[in-house]
Protein backbone atom coordinates (compact mmCIF):
# COMPACT_ATOMS: atom_id res chain seq x y z
CA UNK A 1 171.18 -95.00 -106.04
CA UNK A 2 172.30 -98.30 -106.27
CA UNK A 3 173.31 -98.71 -109.41
CA UNK A 4 175.99 -95.50 -108.25
CA UNK A 5 176.48 -97.62 -105.31
CA UNK A 6 177.22 -100.83 -107.67
CA UNK A 7 179.36 -98.55 -110.10
CA UNK A 8 181.28 -97.40 -107.19
CA UNK A 9 182.04 -100.98 -105.73
CA UNK A 10 183.40 -101.83 -109.16
CA UNK A 11 186.16 -99.18 -109.72
CA UNK A 12 187.15 -99.89 -106.45
CA UNK A 13 187.99 -103.08 -107.11
CA UNK A 14 190.32 -102.33 -110.26
CA UNK A 15 193.97 -102.48 -109.13
CA UNK A 16 195.13 -98.73 -109.02
CA UNK A 17 196.84 -98.32 -112.44
CA UNK A 18 193.36 -99.10 -114.21
CA UNK A 19 191.59 -96.40 -111.88
CA UNK A 20 194.45 -93.90 -112.69
CA UNK A 21 193.51 -94.96 -116.48
CA UNK A 22 189.63 -94.65 -116.09
CA UNK A 23 190.10 -91.04 -115.05
CA UNK A 24 192.40 -90.56 -117.76
CA UNK A 25 189.97 -91.99 -119.91
CA UNK A 26 187.06 -89.84 -118.64
CA UNK A 27 188.92 -86.62 -118.85
CA UNK A 28 189.87 -87.27 -122.10
CA UNK A 29 186.26 -88.02 -122.99
CA UNK A 30 185.04 -85.05 -121.81
CA UNK A 31 188.07 -83.12 -123.47
CA UNK A 32 186.47 -84.92 -126.84
CA UNK A 33 183.30 -83.42 -126.26
CA UNK A 34 184.09 -80.30 -125.30
CA UNK A 35 186.28 -80.27 -128.73
CA UNK A 36 183.19 -81.42 -131.09
CA UNK A 37 181.30 -78.79 -129.55
CA UNK A 38 183.70 -76.09 -130.03
CA UNK A 39 184.19 -77.42 -133.67
CA UNK A 40 180.55 -78.04 -134.51
CA UNK A 41 180.74 -73.90 -134.31
CA UNK A 42 183.18 -74.48 -137.84
CA UNK A 43 180.46 -76.06 -140.26
CA UNK A 44 183.03 -74.95 -142.79
CA UNK A 45 185.63 -77.07 -142.07
CA UNK A 46 183.86 -80.27 -142.24
CA UNK A 47 187.24 -82.43 -143.11
CA UNK A 48 189.56 -81.47 -141.17
CA UNK A 49 189.93 -82.29 -137.40
CA UNK A 50 191.08 -79.08 -134.92
CA UNK A 51 194.36 -79.88 -132.20
CA UNK A 52 192.10 -79.93 -129.74
CA UNK A 53 189.92 -82.87 -131.26
CA UNK A 54 193.02 -84.61 -131.76
CA UNK A 55 194.36 -83.82 -128.52
CA UNK A 56 191.10 -84.98 -126.84
CA UNK A 57 191.31 -88.46 -128.78
CA UNK A 58 194.90 -89.31 -127.79
CA UNK A 59 193.84 -88.24 -124.47
CA UNK A 60 191.34 -91.27 -124.52
CA UNK A 61 193.69 -93.29 -126.27
CA UNK A 62 196.50 -93.01 -123.30
CA UNK A 63 193.55 -93.85 -120.93
CA UNK A 64 192.67 -97.05 -122.34
CA UNK A 65 196.06 -98.20 -122.93
CA UNK A 66 197.06 -97.09 -118.89
CA UNK A 67 193.70 -99.23 -117.99
CA UNK A 68 194.91 -102.10 -119.71
CA UNK A 69 198.75 -102.10 -118.69
CA UNK A 70 197.37 -102.00 -115.46
CA UNK A 71 194.87 -104.89 -115.69
CA UNK A 72 197.71 -106.79 -117.47
CA UNK A 73 200.55 -105.99 -114.48
CA UNK A 74 197.95 -106.85 -112.50
CA UNK A 75 197.25 -110.50 -113.63
CA UNK A 76 200.78 -110.98 -113.94
CA UNK A 77 201.64 -109.88 -109.83
CA UNK A 78 198.80 -112.29 -108.92
CA UNK A 79 200.17 -115.37 -110.96
CA UNK A 80 203.53 -114.45 -110.04
CA UNK A 81 202.35 -114.17 -106.46
CA UNK A 82 200.04 -117.42 -106.55
CA UNK A 83 203.08 -119.54 -107.98
CA UNK A 84 205.41 -118.35 -105.30
CA UNK A 85 202.94 -119.56 -102.51
CA UNK A 86 202.28 -122.83 -104.31
CA UNK A 87 206.17 -122.74 -104.34
CA UNK A 88 206.38 -122.53 -100.23
CA UNK A 89 203.49 -124.96 -99.47
CA UNK A 90 204.45 -128.30 -101.81
CA UNK A 91 206.84 -130.84 -100.33
CA UNK A 92 210.01 -131.06 -102.27
CA UNK A 93 209.13 -132.83 -105.36
CA UNK A 94 205.92 -132.51 -105.58
CA UNK A 95 204.62 -130.61 -107.80
CA UNK A 96 201.74 -128.16 -106.43
CA UNK A 97 198.25 -128.34 -107.39
CA UNK A 98 197.04 -125.40 -109.32
CA UNK A 99 194.39 -122.72 -107.70
CA UNK A 100 190.82 -122.22 -109.00
């Protein structure tokens, strides 16, 4: 149970867009497993990929891109917010010290 609680805590702390991307990635992963299991029955077509396999890979790729976009946008938003907060606190002519 401790591992599941830790995973839940980590997922909840992700930015919203990254969580959406994670859901898309999981759906793509499940679709990929299903597509490869379905294709395993057609052993004579080893060199050709089915449309369902390619679609599942595309869904997984889209999920990865959405996760990355969510993390980058969250970082930009936090950076912009931090700079804006520092400007409002610093007296005129003084250079604000960066927060670490």
